[in-house]
């Protein structure tokens, strides 16, 4: 109740809640493709390599989120090209790019004069520091994601489930594969302010992974994952408010606990169905 009362009074809490909702839209829509296509490790490579762009932005005095967006898209295209041409070395190449991106970021940050206090908010997230400007940028990224997915929903669906069938249908698989990775890159940047660079991949995949256990179409999966993302962000924000603990980490803990409980319930339900089928 104290959180609800404070929410009515303080604008920073209202911005935080709106930021969580906007981030949930991105992670619900794009995270569904990430889970269905099983590219979580690839998405993690994009997320962590973003530190290179953020470090360069700090060094040159540019807004870090702009550097993150540019780096995320560049890394997404590079990883996409690697996976399409060197599939046997995919995991090694992604891991190398993951490490190199972070190393570049650390080098740039070490050469930047002064202490970069804002860096901690990007690494670990601080949803309470979301500003009106951040909300506008998040809104633009959400619109880009929703418009792109709406226009190419069927193409993304076919490419996600069966690339060979997509080629036979004349769908440009390479183009849509790279476009999907660019959407993942945008989603990563969208989530940075909420849970931070280190925890991005969890919020991108956990709501969608839970949703996949209960629905059987990608459209419904996106809707349920978005709703779960909103629930996790709101609950994590409320739980962390009174004891004054990091909201981003609390959001991930809530999502992780929900995923664990969901798996236990899903497995229990499957065993009940199996026993019922045997008894018949």
Protein backbone atom coordinates (compact mmCIF):
# COMPACT_ATOMS: atom_id res chain seq x y z
CA UNK A 1 0.00 0.00 0.00
CA UNK A 2 2.92 2.33 0.70
CA UNK A 3 4.20 1.69 -2.83
CA UNK A 4 0.77 2.47 -4.31
CA UNK A 5 0.55 5.66 -2.25
CA UNK A 6 4.04 6.73 -3.33
CA UNK A 7 3.23 5.88 -6.94
CA UNK A 8 0.41 8.43 -6.88
CA UNK A 9 2.71 11.14 -5.54
CA UNK A 10 6.14 10.66 -7.12
CA UNK A 11 6.79 11.15 -10.81
CA UNK A 12 9.98 9.05 -10.78
CA UNK A 13 7.95 6.00 -9.73
CA UNK A 14 5.42 6.68 -12.46
CA UNK A 15 8.24 6.92 -15.01
CA UNK A 16 9.71 3.67 -13.65
CA UNK A 17 6.40 1.84 -14.01
CA UNK A 18 5.87 3.18 -17.53
CA UNK A 19 9.42 2.18 -18.44
CA UNK A 20 8.79 -1.33 -17.16
CA UNK A 21 5.62 -1.60 -19.24
CA UNK A 22 7.36 -0.37 -22.39
CA UNK A 23 10.28 -2.74 -21.85
CA UNK A 24 7.83 -5.61 -21.35
CA UNK A 25 6.30 -4.98 -24.76
CA UNK A 26 9.68 -5.38 -26.44
CA UNK A 27 10.76 -8.41 -24.41
CA UNK A 28 7.37 -10.07 -24.88
CA UNK A 29 7.26 -9.69 -28.67
CA UNK A 30 10.90 -10.27 -29.60
CA UNK A 31 11.64 -12.61 -26.68
CA UNK A 32 9.05 -15.03 -28.07
CA UNK A 33 11.07 -15.38 -31.27
CA UNK A 34 14.29 -15.74 -29.23
CA UNK A 35 12.80 -18.63 -27.25
CA UNK A 36 11.12 -20.32 -30.23
CA UNK A 37 14.23 -20.07 -32.40
CA UNK A 38 16.49 -21.00 -29.45
CA UNK A 39 18.93 -18.15 -29.93
CA UNK A 40 19.27 -17.15 -26.29
CA UNK A 41 23.06 -17.52 -26.33
CA UNK A 42 23.22 -15.45 -29.50
CA UNK A 43 21.08 -12.75 -27.87
CA UNK A 44 23.40 -12.85 -24.86
CA UNK A 45 26.36 -12.22 -27.14
CA UNK A 46 24.65 -9.15 -28.57
CA UNK A 47 23.74 -7.89 -25.09
CA UNK A 48 27.22 -8.09 -23.61
CA UNK A 49 29.07 -6.85 -26.69
CA UNK A 50 27.00 -3.64 -26.38
CA UNK A 51 29.39 -2.53 -23.62
CA UNK A 52 31.93 -1.68 -26.35
CA UNK A 53 29.57 0.87 -27.89
CA UNK A 54 28.67 2.31 -24.50
CA UNK A 55 32.33 2.66 -23.54
CA UNK A 56 33.11 4.44 -26.82
CA UNK A 57 30.12 6.74 -26.27
CA UNK A 58 31.39 7.65 -22.79
CA UNK A 59 34.86 8.35 -24.18
CA UNK A 60 33.63 10.64 -26.99
CA UNK A 61 31.02 12.37 -24.84
CA UNK A 62 28.02 10.91 -26.63
CA UNK A 63 24.82 9.71 -24.97
CA UNK A 64 25.62 6.09 -23.89
CA UNK A 65 22.26 4.73 -25.00
CA UNK A 66 22.96 5.92 -28.57
CA UNK A 67 26.31 4.13 -28.56
CA UNK A 68 24.59 1.04 -27.18
CA UNK A 69 21.98 1.05 -29.96
CA UNK A 70 24.58 1.45 -32.71
CA UNK A 71 26.84 -1.24 -31.23
CA UNK A 72 23.93 -3.63 -30.72
CA UNK A 73 22.85 -3.42 -34.36
CA UNK A 74 26.43 -3.72 -35.69
CA UNK A 75 27.14 -6.74 -33.46
CA UNK A 76 23.78 -8.32 -34.39
CA UNK A 77 24.65 -8.09 -38.09
CA UNK A 78 28.16 -9.48 -37.50
CA UNK A 79 26.86 -12.38 -35.42
CA UNK A 80 24.15 -13.03 -37.99
CA UNK A 81 26.73 -13.16 -40.77
CA UNK A 82 28.87 -15.54 -38.72
CA UNK A 83 25.97 -17.90 -37.96
CA UNK A 84 24.98 -18.00 -41.62
CA UNK A 85 28.47 -18.65 -42.97
CA UNK A 86 30.38 -20.43 -40.17
CA UNK A 87 27.66 -22.40 -38.42
CA UNK A 88 30.10 -25.00 -37.10
CA UNK A 89 32.07 -22.30 -35.27
CA UNK A 90 29.00 -20.33 -34.20
CA UNK A 91 29.30 -20.74 -30.42
CA UNK A 92 33.03 -20.01 -30.36
CA UNK A 93 32.62 -16.91 -32.55
CA UNK A 94 29.75 -15.55 -30.47
CA UNK A 95 31.68 -16.15 -27.24
CA UNK A 96 34.71 -14.36 -28.70
CA UNK A 97 32.63 -11.37 -29.81
CA UNK A 98 30.95 -11.31 -26.38
CA UNK A 99 34.37 -11.06 -24.67
CA UNK A 100 35.93 -8.67 -27.21
CA UNK A 101 32.98 -6.27 -27.01
CA UNK A 102 33.22 -6.09 -23.24
CA UNK A 103 37.00 -5.69 -23.37
CA UNK A 104 36.70 -2.77 -25.82
CA UNK A 105 34.16 -1.12 -23.52
CA UNK A 106 36.40 -1.51 -20.48
CA UNK A 107 39.37 0.00 -22.34
CA UNK A 108 37.38 3.04 -23.48
CA UNK A 109 35.95 3.55 -19.99
CA UNK A 110 39.41 3.30 -18.41
CA UNK A 111 40.64 6.09 -20.69
CA UNK A 112 37.69 8.37 -19.99
CA UNK A 113 38.57 11.14 -17.49
CA UNK A 114 36.69 11.14 -14.19
CA UNK A 115 34.51 8.56 -12.49
CA UNK A 116 31.62 7.38 -14.68
CA UNK A 117 28.88 6.94 -12.11
CA UNK A 118 26.22 6.54 -14.81
CA UNK A 119 27.93 3.38 -16.00
CA UNK A 120 26.60 1.41 -13.03
CA UNK A 121 23.02 2.22 -14.03
CA UNK A 122 23.65 0.74 -17.47
CA UNK A 123 25.50 -2.33 -16.21
CA UNK A 124 23.10 -3.27 -13.40
CA UNK A 125 20.07 -1.15 -14.28
CA UNK A 126 18.21 1.43 -12.25
CA UNK A 127 14.59 1.64 -13.29
CA UNK A 128 14.08 4.51 -10.82
CA UNK A 129 16.34 6.77 -12.89
CA UNK A 130 14.26 6.54 -16.07
CA UNK A 131 13.50 10.02 -17.40
CA UNK A 132 10.85 11.41 -19.73
CA UNK A 133 13.47 11.43 -22.48
CA UNK A 134 14.16 7.74 -21.90
CA UNK A 135 10.45 7.01 -22.13
CA UNK A 136 10.20 8.76 -25.50
CA UNK A 137 13.15 6.77 -26.82
CA UNK A 138 11.66 3.52 -25.49
CA UNK A 139 8.32 4.39 -27.09
CA UNK A 140 9.99 4.93 -30.47
CA UNK A 141 11.82 1.59 -30.20
CA UNK A 142 8.57 -0.17 -29.24
CA UNK A 143 6.83 1.30 -32.27
CA UNK A 144 9.66 0.14 -34.54
CA UNK A 145 9.45 -3.37 -33.08
CA UNK A 146 5.66 -3.62 -33.30
CA UNK A 147 5.41 -2.22 -36.83
CA UNK A 148 8.18 -4.52 -38.11
CA UNK A 149 6.73 -7.64 -36.48
CA UNK A 150 3.23 -6.78 -37.71
CA UNK A 151 4.39 -6.27 -41.30
CA UNK A 152 6.49 -9.44 -41.44
CA UNK A 153 4.76 -11.67 -38.90
CA UNK A 154 4.29 -14.65 -41.23
CA UNK A 155 7.81 -14.42 -42.64
CA UNK A 156 9.37 -14.32 -39.18
CA UNK A 157 7.19 -17.23 -38.12
CA UNK A 158 8.25 -19.46 -41.01
CA UNK A 159 11.94 -18.54 -40.66
CA UNK A 160 11.82 -19.19 -36.90
CA UNK A 161 10.36 -22.69 -37.24
CA UNK A 162 11.69 -24.03 -40.55
CA UNK A 163 14.32 -22.14 -42.56
CA UNK A 164 14.44 -24.81 -45.29
CA UNK A 165 10.68 -24.57 -45.88
CA UNK A 166 11.01 -20.78 -45.95
CA UNK A 167 13.62 -21.05 -48.72
CA UNK A 168 11.35 -23.34 -50.72
CA UNK A 169 8.58 -20.74 -50.39
CA UNK A 170 10.91 -18.10 -51.83
CA UNK A 171 11.29 -16.15 -48.58
CA UNK A 172 14.67 -14.34 -48.29
CA UNK A 173 15.84 -16.21 -45.18
CA UNK A 174 19.11 -14.30 -44.81
CA UNK A 175 17.34 -10.94 -44.83
CA UNK A 176 14.74 -11.93 -42.23
CA UNK A 177 17.31 -13.70 -40.07
CA UNK A 178 19.42 -10.52 -39.92
CA UNK A 179 16.32 -8.36 -39.42
CA UNK A 180 15.23 -10.52 -36.50
CA UNK A 181 18.66 -10.12 -34.90
CA UNK A 182 18.38 -6.35 -35.33
CA UNK A 183 15.05 -6.50 -33.47
CA UNK A 184 16.79 -8.47 -30.71
CA UNK A 185 19.44 -5.73 -30.60
CA UNK A 186 16.78 -3.03 -30.20
CA UNK A 187 15.09 -5.06 -27.45
CA UNK A 188 18.40 -5.38 -25.59
CA UNK A 189 18.84 -1.60 -25.60
CA UNK A 190 15.20 -1.22 -24.58
CA UNK A 191 15.80 -3.32 -21.46
CA UNK A 192 19.14 -1.82 -20.41
CA UNK A 193 17.61 1.00 -18.37
CA UNK A 194 15.25 -1.39 -16.58
CA UNK A 195 17.43 -4.32 -15.53
CA UNK A 196 20.89 -3.40 -16.81
CA UNK A 197 23.20 -4.91 -19.37
CA UNK A 198 24.10 -7.93 -17.25
CA UNK A 199 20.50 -9.04 -16.57
CA UNK A 200 18.95 -8.22 -19.96
CA UNK A 201 18.91 -11.76 -21.30
CA UNK A 202 16.87 -13.03 -18.33
CA UNK A 203 13.97 -10.62 -18.84
CA UNK A 204 14.16 -11.17 -22.60
CA UNK A 205 13.66 -14.93 -22.30
CA UNK A 206 11.95 -15.84 -19.00
CA UNK A 207 8.46 -14.36 -19.70
CA UNK A 208 8.42 -15.96 -23.16
CA UNK A 209 9.67 -19.29 -21.79
CA UNK A 210 6.84 -19.33 -19.23
CA UNK A 211 4.27 -18.35 -21.86
CA UNK A 212 5.38 -21.16 -24.20
CA UNK A 213 4.37 -23.72 -21.57
CA UNK A 214 0.71 -22.68 -21.69
CA UNK A 215 -0.08 -21.42 -25.20
CA UNK A 216 0.55 -22.97 -28.59
CA UNK A 217 0.64 -20.06 -31.01
CA UNK A 218 3.33 -17.39 -31.29
CA UNK A 219 0.77 -14.57 -31.28
CA UNK A 220 -0.71 -15.69 -27.96
CA UNK A 221 2.77 -16.35 -26.65
CA UNK A 222 3.72 -12.73 -27.37
CA UNK A 223 0.60 -11.43 -25.62
CA UNK A 224 1.09 -13.61 -22.53
CA UNK A 225 4.84 -12.90 -22.36
CA UNK A 226 4.14 -9.16 -22.51
CA UNK A 227 1.57 -9.46 -19.70
CA UNK A 228 4.00 -11.50 -17.61
CA UNK A 229 6.74 -8.95 -18.22
CA UNK A 230 4.47 -6.18 -16.96
CA UNK A 231 3.57 -8.30 -13.91
CA UNK A 232 7.22 -9.05 -13.09
CA UNK A 233 8.33 -5.43 -13.52
CA UNK A 234 5.47 -4.10 -11.40
CA UNK A 235 5.91 -6.74 -8.69
CA UNK A 236 9.68 -6.33 -8.59
CA UNK A 237 9.35 -2.56 -8.37
CA UNK A 238 6.82 -2.82 -5.54
CA UNK A 239 8.78 -5.45 -3.59
CA UNK A 240 12.06 -3.54 -3.84
CA UNK A 241 10.59 -0.16 -2.84
CA UNK A 242 10.15 -0.57 0.92
CA UNK A 243 13.50 -2.29 1.74
CA UNK A 244 15.27 -0.05 -0.83
CA UNK A 245 17.04 -2.85 -2.71
CA UNK A 246 17.98 -2.78 -6.44
CA UNK A 247 14.79 -2.95 -8.47
CA UNK A 248 16.36 -4.53 -11.56
CA UNK A 249 17.77 -7.49 -9.64
CA UNK A 250 14.46 -7.88 -7.77
CA UNK A 251 12.55 -7.98 -11.06
CA UNK A 252 14.81 -10.78 -12.31
CA UNK A 253 14.43 -12.72 -9.05
CA UNK A 254 10.64 -12.46 -9.33
CA UNK A 255 10.79 -13.65 -12.96
CA UNK A 256 13.16 -16.49 -12.04
CA UNK A 257 10.95 -17.65 -9.17
CA UNK A 258 7.90 -17.54 -11.45
CA UNK A 259 9.73 -19.60 -14.07
CA UNK A 260 10.76 -22.22 -11.50
CA UNK A 261 7.21 -22.51 -10.12
CA UNK A 262 5.80 -22.63 -13.65
CA UNK A 263 8.14 -25.48 -14.60
CA UNK A 264 7.17 -27.45 -11.50
CA UNK A 265 3.47 -26.92 -12.16
CA UNK A 266 3.83 -27.74 -15.86
CA UNK A 267 5.70 -30.98 -15.12
CA UNK A 268 3.10 -31.93 -12.49
CA UNK A 269 0.31 -31.29 -14.96
CA UNK A 270 2.07 -33.41 -17.61
CA UNK A 271 2.40 -36.32 -15.17
CA UNK A 272 -1.30 -36.09 -14.30
CA UNK A 273 -2.21 -36.19 -18.00
CA UNK A 274 0.12 -39.15 -18.59
CA UNK A 275 -1.43 -41.11 -15.72
CA UNK A 276 -4.93 -40.31 -16.98
CA UNK A 277 -4.00 -41.51 -20.47
CA UNK A 278 -2.54 -44.79 -19.10
CA UNK A 279 -5.61 -45.46 -16.93
CA UNK A 280 -7.83 -45.22 -20.00
